[in-house]
Amino acid sequence: MAKQSVIARSLKKPKYKSRVVRRCFRCGRKRGYMRDFDLCRICFRELANRGEIPGIKKSSW
């Protein structure tokens, strides 16, 4: 869980476009971020396993 100050800082418009930090909207994690879902890999897996993300299911073959 990221600190509230770090999350607030990432929401501000950066001075340069290349400094944008995308963070998970649930936990604030910046690494392992998936743009399509606006989630980090950990939160994505939790929600997918619970079936809360429509169209996503665990693969098995």
N, C-alpha and C. Protein backbone atom coordinates (compact mmCIF):
# COMPACT_ATOMS: atom_id res chain seq x y z
N MET A 1 0.84 -1.18 0.00
CA MET A 1 0.00 0.00 0.00
C MET A 1 0.88 1.24 0.00
N ALA A 2 0.70 2.08 -0.99
CA ALA A 2 1.47 3.31 -1.10
C ALA A 2 0.94 4.35 -0.11
N LYS A 3 1.84 5.24 0.34
CA LYS A 3 1.44 6.31 1.24
C LYS A 3 0.49 7.27 0.53
N GLN A 4 -0.39 7.89 1.30
CA GLN A 4 -1.35 8.82 0.72
C GLN A 4 -0.67 10.00 0.05
N SER A 5 0.46 10.45 0.61
CA SER A 5 1.17 11.58 0.02
C SER A 5 1.74 11.23 -1.35
N VAL A 6 2.20 10.00 -1.51
CA VAL A 6 2.76 9.56 -2.79
C VAL A 6 1.65 9.44 -3.83
N ILE A 7 0.50 8.94 -3.41
CA ILE A 7 -0.64 8.82 -4.32
C ILE A 7 -1.12 10.20 -4.75
N ALA A 8 -1.20 11.13 -3.80
CA ALA A 8 -1.63 12.49 -4.12
C ALA A 8 -0.66 13.17 -5.08
N ARG A 9 0.63 12.94 -4.89
CA ARG A 9 1.63 13.54 -5.76
C ARG A 9 1.51 13.00 -7.18
N SER A 10 1.18 11.72 -7.32
CA SER A 10 1.07 11.13 -8.66
C SER A 10 -0.17 11.62 -9.40
N LEU A 11 -1.16 12.12 -8.67
CA LEU A 11 -2.38 12.61 -9.30
C LEU A 11 -2.21 14.01 -9.88
N LYS A 12 -1.21 14.74 -9.41
CA LYS A 12 -0.96 16.09 -9.93
C LYS A 12 -0.39 16.02 -11.35
N LYS A 13 -0.65 17.05 -12.13
CA LYS A 13 -0.13 17.10 -13.49
C LYS A 13 1.37 17.35 -13.44
N PRO A 14 2.18 16.47 -14.06
CA PRO A 14 3.63 16.65 -14.00
C PRO A 14 4.12 17.79 -14.90
N LYS A 15 5.31 18.25 -14.60
CA LYS A 15 5.92 19.33 -15.38
C LYS A 15 6.20 18.87 -16.80
N TYR A 16 6.62 17.64 -16.95
CA TYR A 16 6.92 17.05 -18.26
C TYR A 16 6.07 15.81 -18.46
N LYS A 17 5.66 15.58 -19.69
CA LYS A 17 4.76 14.46 -20.01
C LYS A 17 5.38 13.10 -19.67
N SER A 18 6.69 12.99 -19.79
CA SER A 18 7.36 11.71 -19.56
C SER A 18 7.43 11.34 -18.07
N ARG A 19 7.06 12.25 -17.20
CA ARG A 19 7.11 11.98 -15.76
C ARG A 19 5.81 11.41 -15.20
N VAL A 20 4.86 11.11 -16.04
CA VAL A 20 3.59 10.58 -15.58
C VAL A 20 3.83 9.24 -14.90
N VAL A 21 3.27 9.07 -13.70
CA VAL A 21 3.36 7.81 -12.97
C VAL A 21 1.96 7.25 -12.87
N ARG A 22 1.74 6.13 -13.50
CA ARG A 22 0.42 5.49 -13.43
C ARG A 22 0.42 4.54 -12.25
N ARG A 23 -0.64 4.60 -11.45
CA ARG A 23 -0.74 3.79 -10.25
C ARG A 23 -2.06 3.04 -10.21
N CYS A 24 -2.04 1.92 -9.53
CA CYS A 24 -3.24 1.12 -9.31
C CYS A 24 -4.23 1.96 -8.50
N PHE A 25 -5.50 1.96 -8.91
CA PHE A 25 -6.46 2.80 -8.19
C PHE A 25 -6.87 2.17 -6.85
N ARG A 26 -6.63 0.87 -6.66
CA ARG A 26 -6.99 0.24 -5.39
C ARG A 26 -5.92 0.39 -4.33
N CYS A 27 -4.66 0.10 -4.68
CA CYS A 27 -3.60 0.07 -3.67
C CYS A 27 -2.53 1.12 -3.88
N GLY A 28 -2.45 1.72 -5.06
CA GLY A 28 -1.47 2.76 -5.31
C GLY A 28 -0.13 2.25 -5.80
N ARG A 29 -0.03 0.97 -6.09
CA ARG A 29 1.23 0.39 -6.55
C ARG A 29 1.56 0.88 -7.96
N LYS A 30 2.84 1.20 -8.21
CA LYS A 30 3.22 1.71 -9.53
C LYS A 30 3.88 0.66 -10.41
N ARG A 31 4.40 -0.39 -9.82
CA ARG A 31 5.06 -1.43 -10.60
C ARG A 31 4.08 -2.56 -10.90
N GLY A 32 4.20 -3.15 -12.08
CA GLY A 32 3.29 -4.22 -12.47
C GLY A 32 1.91 -3.70 -12.80
N TYR A 33 1.83 -2.51 -13.38
CA TYR A 33 0.56 -1.83 -13.67
C TYR A 33 0.04 -2.24 -15.04
N MET A 34 -1.25 -2.52 -15.14
CA MET A 34 -1.89 -2.84 -16.41
C MET A 34 -2.84 -1.72 -16.79
N ARG A 35 -2.52 -1.03 -17.90
CA ARG A 35 -3.32 0.11 -18.32
C ARG A 35 -4.75 -0.25 -18.66
N ASP A 36 -4.95 -1.42 -19.26
CA ASP A 36 -6.30 -1.81 -19.70
C ASP A 36 -7.28 -1.87 -18.54
N PHE A 37 -6.79 -2.23 -17.37
CA PHE A 37 -7.67 -2.41 -16.22
C PHE A 37 -7.45 -1.37 -15.13
N ASP A 38 -6.41 -0.54 -15.25
CA ASP A 38 -6.07 0.47 -14.24
C ASP A 38 -5.77 -0.18 -12.89
N LEU A 39 -5.18 -1.39 -12.95
CA LEU A 39 -4.86 -2.17 -11.75
C LEU A 39 -3.43 -2.67 -11.81
N CYS A 40 -2.87 -2.96 -10.63
CA CYS A 40 -1.58 -3.64 -10.60
C CYS A 40 -1.84 -5.14 -10.76
N ARG A 41 -0.79 -5.89 -10.96
CA ARG A 41 -0.94 -7.33 -11.22
C ARG A 41 -1.55 -8.07 -10.03
N ILE A 42 -1.26 -7.61 -8.82
CA ILE A 42 -1.75 -8.29 -7.62
C ILE A 42 -3.25 -8.08 -7.46
N CYS A 43 -3.68 -6.83 -7.58
CA CYS A 43 -5.12 -6.52 -7.47
C CYS A 43 -5.89 -7.16 -8.63
N PHE A 44 -5.29 -7.17 -9.82
CA PHE A 44 -5.93 -7.81 -10.97
C PHE A 44 -6.18 -9.28 -10.69
N ARG A 45 -5.19 -9.95 -10.15
CA ARG A 45 -5.33 -11.38 -9.88
C ARG A 45 -6.39 -11.64 -8.82
N GLU A 46 -6.42 -10.83 -7.76
CA GLU A 46 -7.42 -10.99 -6.71
C GLU A 46 -8.83 -10.84 -7.26
N LEU A 47 -9.04 -9.78 -8.04
CA LEU A 47 -10.38 -9.53 -8.59
C LEU A 47 -10.76 -10.58 -9.63
N ALA A 48 -9.80 -11.00 -10.45
CA ALA A 48 -10.09 -12.00 -11.48
C ALA A 48 -10.45 -13.35 -10.85
N ASN A 49 -9.76 -13.72 -9.80
CA ASN A 49 -10.06 -15.00 -9.13
C ASN A 49 -11.43 -14.98 -8.47
N ARG A 50 -11.86 -13.80 -8.01
CA ARG A 50 -13.19 -13.67 -7.41
C ARG A 50 -14.28 -13.53 -8.46
N GLY A 51 -13.88 -13.33 -9.73
CA GLY A 51 -14.85 -13.18 -10.81
C GLY A 51 -15.46 -11.81 -10.88
N GLU A 52 -14.77 -10.79 -10.39
CA GLU A 52 -15.32 -9.44 -10.36
C GLU A 52 -14.93 -8.61 -11.58
N ILE A 53 -14.08 -9.15 -12.47
CA ILE A 53 -13.74 -8.46 -13.70
C ILE A 53 -14.46 -9.17 -14.85
N PRO A 54 -15.41 -8.50 -15.50
CA PRO A 54 -16.16 -9.17 -16.56
C PRO A 54 -15.27 -9.55 -17.74
N GLY A 55 -15.48 -10.75 -18.24
CA GLY A 55 -14.75 -11.21 -19.42
C GLY A 55 -13.42 -11.86 -19.12
N ILE A 56 -13.02 -11.94 -17.86
CA ILE A 56 -11.74 -12.53 -17.49
C ILE A 56 -12.00 -13.82 -16.72
N LYS A 57 -11.34 -14.90 -17.15
CA LYS A 57 -11.44 -16.15 -16.41
C LYS A 57 -10.08 -16.82 -16.40
N LYS A 58 -9.86 -17.63 -15.41
CA LYS A 58 -8.57 -18.32 -15.26
C LYS A 58 -8.42 -19.35 -16.37
N SER A 59 -7.28 -19.32 -17.02
CA SER A 59 -7.05 -20.25 -18.12
C SER A 59 -6.56 -21.59 -17.57
N SER A 60 -6.93 -22.65 -18.24
CA SER A 60 -6.44 -23.98 -17.90
C SER A 60 -6.44 -24.81 -19.18
N TRP A 61 -5.39 -25.56 -19.40
CA TRP A 61 -5.29 -26.40 -20.58
C TRP A 61 -4.53 -27.66 -20.28
